[in-house]
Amino acid sequence: MKKIFFLILLTVLLFACSSLLQSNELMKYTGIIERLEISTWQYGTHTLNDGTGKVLFALRSSDIDLNKYQNKKVIIWGNKISGYPVDGGPVYIDVKKVEEISTQ
């Protein structure tokens, strides 16, 4: 009986740890960074847009100055911020890395 309880507990812990690791994985997104001026949602400093101006994500970063990449096509790596989207806004991303895509 103790062995079964131990195995069940071990299995639950393994699944819990693996889901925590997955949530910290950086996701990769491509688009054009624009400064967020006025919006119906109240979060983010910038947005990641597709080529037509459609907002894909709201962005923030405490590590990177996103203004350096304003109006440039980029690849970003970041984590989704839990609890978002709200107020009809987009998914909220905490940006950890940015790479500019050359348009040559």
Protein backbone atom coordinates (compact mmCIF):
# COMPACT_ATOMS: atom_id res chain seq x y z
CA MET A 1 0.00 0.00 0.00
CA LYS A 2 2.85 2.41 0.84
CA LYS A 3 4.54 1.59 -2.48
CA ILE A 4 1.39 2.41 -4.44
CA PHE A 5 0.94 5.68 -2.57
CA PHE A 6 4.60 6.56 -3.19
CA LEU A 7 4.28 5.80 -6.94
CA ILE A 8 1.15 7.90 -7.25
CA LEU A 9 2.78 10.78 -5.40
CA LEU A 10 5.90 10.52 -7.55
CA THR A 11 3.81 10.52 -10.75
CA VAL A 12 1.86 13.61 -9.67
CA LEU A 13 5.07 15.45 -8.80
CA LEU A 14 6.65 14.60 -12.16
CA PHE A 15 3.64 15.92 -14.06
CA ALA A 16 3.57 19.08 -11.95
CA CYS A 17 7.27 19.74 -12.53
CA SER A 18 7.05 19.12 -16.27
CA SER A 19 4.16 21.58 -16.65
CA LEU A 20 6.14 24.23 -14.74
CA LEU A 21 9.10 23.74 -17.05
CA GLN A 22 6.93 24.01 -20.14
CA SER A 23 5.37 27.28 -18.97
CA ASN A 24 8.85 28.85 -18.76
CA GLU A 25 9.80 27.89 -22.30
CA LEU A 26 10.24 30.86 -24.61
CA MET A 27 7.82 31.01 -27.51
CA LYS A 28 8.87 32.49 -30.88
CA TYR A 29 6.77 35.04 -32.79
CA THR A 30 7.36 37.13 -35.93
CA GLY A 31 5.91 40.52 -36.84
CA ILE A 32 6.39 44.28 -36.73
CA ILE A 33 6.80 46.04 -33.38
CA GLU A 34 4.80 49.23 -32.93
CA ARG A 35 4.49 51.51 -29.92
CA LEU A 36 1.08 51.24 -28.26
CA GLU A 37 -0.62 54.63 -28.18
CA ILE A 38 -4.36 54.28 -27.54
CA SER A 39 -6.21 51.00 -27.15
CA THR A 40 -9.38 49.54 -25.70
CA TRP A 41 -7.25 47.30 -23.46
CA GLN A 42 -4.99 48.73 -20.77
CA TYR A 43 -1.80 46.67 -20.89
CA GLY A 44 1.46 46.56 -22.82
CA THR A 45 3.86 49.20 -24.08
CA HIS A 46 4.09 47.92 -27.64
CA THR A 47 2.30 45.57 -30.02
CA LEU A 48 3.45 42.92 -32.46
CA ASN A 49 1.54 43.30 -35.72
CA ASP A 50 1.29 41.34 -38.93
CA GLY A 51 2.14 43.05 -42.22
CA THR A 52 -1.35 44.55 -42.56
CA GLY A 53 -1.38 46.29 -39.17
CA LYS A 54 -3.47 43.67 -37.37
CA VAL A 55 -2.40 43.40 -33.72
CA LEU A 56 -1.15 39.91 -32.91
CA PHE A 57 0.12 40.46 -29.35
CA ALA A 58 0.53 43.14 -26.69
CA LEU A 59 4.16 43.33 -25.52
CA ARG A 60 6.19 44.37 -22.51
CA SER A 61 9.82 43.85 -21.58
CA SER A 62 11.88 44.75 -18.55
CA ASP A 63 15.02 43.41 -20.27
CA ILE A 64 14.88 45.01 -23.72
CA ASP A 65 14.16 48.54 -24.99
CA LEU A 66 11.41 47.74 -27.48
CA ASN A 67 11.57 51.32 -28.84
CA LYS A 68 14.80 50.34 -30.65
CA TYR A 69 12.76 47.96 -32.80
CA GLN A 70 9.78 50.22 -33.45
CA ASN A 71 8.35 49.80 -36.99
CA LYS A 72 10.83 47.01 -37.75
CA LYS A 73 10.16 43.41 -38.70
CA VAL A 74 11.46 41.19 -35.92
CA ILE A 75 11.45 37.78 -34.36
CA ILE A 76 10.68 37.91 -30.64
CA TRP A 77 11.03 35.26 -27.97
CA GLY A 78 8.96 35.55 -24.85
CA ASN A 79 6.45 34.08 -22.44
CA LYS A 80 2.69 34.50 -22.41
CA ILE A 81 1.60 36.38 -19.30
CA SER A 82 -1.10 34.49 -17.45
CA GLY A 83 -4.45 36.18 -16.88
CA TYR A 84 -4.54 37.76 -20.33
CA PRO A 85 -6.14 38.62 -22.70
CA VAL A 86 -8.68 40.90 -21.02
CA ASP A 87 -11.01 43.67 -22.20
CA GLY A 88 -11.09 42.19 -25.71
CA GLY A 89 -7.36 42.74 -26.12
CA PRO A 90 -4.66 40.46 -27.47
CA VAL A 91 -2.51 37.88 -25.69
CA TYR A 92 0.15 39.59 -23.55
CA ILE A 93 3.81 38.62 -24.07
CA ASP A 94 6.81 39.33 -21.82
CA VAL A 95 9.62 39.72 -24.38
CA LYS A 96 13.00 38.23 -23.47
CA LYS A 97 14.85 38.42 -26.80
CA VAL A 98 14.44 40.33 -30.09
CA GLU A 99 16.15 39.76 -33.42
CA GLU A 100 15.65 42.19 -36.30
CA ILE A 101 14.89 40.59 -39.65
CA SER A 102 16.83 42.22 -42.48
CA THR A 103 14.64 43.24 -45.43
CA GLN A 104 17.32 42.93 -48.11
